[in-house]
Amino acid sequence: MAWYKFWKKSGPAALLSERYLWLDKETYSKEKDVEAECEYWAERTGGGHNTHYLYGFEEIPNPPQSVLEKMISDEERTIKHHRDYLKFLRQTQDLIRQ
């Protein structure tokens, strides 16, 4: 596994967008695989495919601490949502069984 930083500069003001990903080196064993993932992300990120943009990526040791803290917070919120939804499904199932 490795951390990657994807970046995109778009529009006349060259607005910068960044994304940090942890990619499996077995799935993304070649640089062209990582580049394809980066290109896919860049096409769908603000600025779109109809605006001139530049994009790239680099392998990094770790994302910035603030980014990592946000990623952790987002995952914790997602886990809580999944737990709440699972509880709701089980309650619904119990109602149906009665």
Protein backbone atom coordinates (compact mmCIF):
# COMPACT_ATOMS: atom_id res chain seq x y z
CA MET A 1 0.00 0.00 0.00
CA ALA A 2 1.14 3.53 -0.69
CA TRP A 3 -0.16 7.06 -0.26
CA TYR A 4 -0.61 9.19 -3.36
CA LYS A 5 -1.40 12.85 -3.81
CA PHE A 6 -3.50 13.66 -6.88
CA TRP A 7 -3.68 17.27 -8.01
CA LYS A 8 -5.53 19.23 -10.67
CA LYS A 9 -5.21 22.84 -11.81
CA SER A 10 -8.15 24.07 -13.85
CA GLY A 11 -9.52 27.15 -15.52
CA PRO A 12 -7.89 30.48 -16.25
CA ALA A 13 -7.09 31.03 -12.55
CA ALA A 14 -5.44 27.59 -12.31
CA LEU A 15 -7.54 26.65 -9.27
CA LEU A 16 -5.94 23.78 -7.38
CA SER A 17 -7.79 20.65 -6.25
CA GLU A 18 -6.06 17.88 -4.33
CA ARG A 19 -6.97 14.37 -3.25
CA TYR A 20 -5.05 11.91 -1.12
CA LEU A 21 -5.49 8.18 -1.68
CA TRP A 22 -4.10 5.02 -0.20
CA LEU A 23 -3.68 2.60 -3.10
CA ASP A 24 -2.91 -1.09 -3.13
CA LYS A 25 0.42 -1.66 -4.91
CA GLU A 26 -0.80 -5.03 -6.22
CA THR A 27 -3.83 -3.50 -7.94
CA TYR A 28 -1.90 -0.40 -9.01
CA SER A 29 1.39 -2.14 -9.77
CA LYS A 30 2.33 0.08 -12.70
CA GLU A 31 2.62 3.85 -12.88
CA LYS A 32 0.13 3.85 -15.78
CA ASP A 33 -2.49 2.30 -13.45
CA VAL A 34 -2.07 5.14 -10.94
CA GLU A 35 -2.09 7.66 -13.78
CA ALA A 36 -5.36 6.22 -15.12
CA GLU A 37 -6.95 6.54 -11.65
CA CYS A 38 -5.69 10.12 -11.39
CA GLU A 39 -7.04 10.99 -14.85
CA TYR A 40 -10.43 9.48 -13.93
CA TRP A 41 -10.51 11.61 -10.76
CA ALA A 42 -9.40 14.76 -12.61
CA GLU A 43 -12.15 14.40 -15.24
CA ARG A 44 -14.82 14.33 -12.52
CA THR A 45 -13.43 17.02 -10.24
CA GLY A 46 -14.46 20.68 -10.42
CA GLY A 47 -13.65 22.22 -13.78
CA GLY A 48 -14.89 19.18 -15.63
CA HIS A 49 -13.72 17.75 -18.91
CA ASN A 50 -14.73 20.80 -20.99
CA THR A 51 -12.33 23.19 -19.20
CA HIS A 52 -8.59 23.24 -19.82
CA TYR A 53 -6.77 21.62 -16.91
CA LEU A 54 -3.51 20.01 -15.88
CA TYR A 55 -3.30 17.06 -13.51
CA GLY A 56 -0.71 14.86 -11.93
CA PHE A 57 0.18 12.65 -9.02
CA GLU A 58 3.04 11.72 -6.76
CA GLU A 59 3.70 9.01 -4.20
CA ILE A 60 4.04 10.54 -0.74
CA PRO A 61 5.00 9.15 2.68
CA ASN A 62 1.78 10.40 4.37
CA PRO A 63 -0.94 12.99 3.79
CA PRO A 64 -0.89 16.21 5.83
CA GLN A 65 -2.15 15.81 9.40
CA SER A 66 -5.21 18.03 8.79
CA VAL A 67 -6.22 15.92 5.78
CA LEU A 68 -5.76 12.71 7.74
CA GLU A 69 -7.87 14.04 10.62
CA LYS A 70 -10.69 14.91 8.19
CA MET A 71 -10.46 11.47 6.56
CA ILE A 72 -10.72 9.82 9.99
CA SER A 73 -13.69 12.01 10.95
CA ASP A 74 -15.47 11.21 7.68
CA GLU A 75 -14.92 7.46 8.11
CA GLU A 76 -16.15 7.56 11.72
CA ARG A 77 -19.31 9.37 10.56
CA THR A 78 -19.81 6.77 7.80
CA ILE A 79 -19.39 3.90 10.27
CA LYS A 80 -21.91 5.51 12.64
CA HIS A 81 -24.39 5.91 9.79
CA HIS A 82 -23.96 2.25 8.81
CA ARG A 83 -24.46 1.11 12.42
CA ASP A 84 -27.62 3.24 12.76
CA TYR A 85 -28.97 1.88 9.47
CA LEU A 86 -28.22 -1.71 10.48
CA LYS A 87 -30.08 -1.14 13.76
CA PHE A 88 -33.07 0.23 11.81
CA LEU A 89 -33.05 -2.79 9.46
CA ARG A 90 -33.02 -5.21 12.39
CA GLN A 91 -35.88 -3.35 14.07
CA THR A 92 -37.86 -3.52 10.83
CA GLN A 93 -37.14 -7.22 10.55
CA ASP A 94 -38.37 -7.76 14.14
CA LEU A 95 -41.61 -5.90 13.31
CA ILE A 96 -42.20 -8.07 10.26
CA ARG A 97 -41.66 -11.27 12.25
CA GLN A 98 -44.35 -10.32 14.82
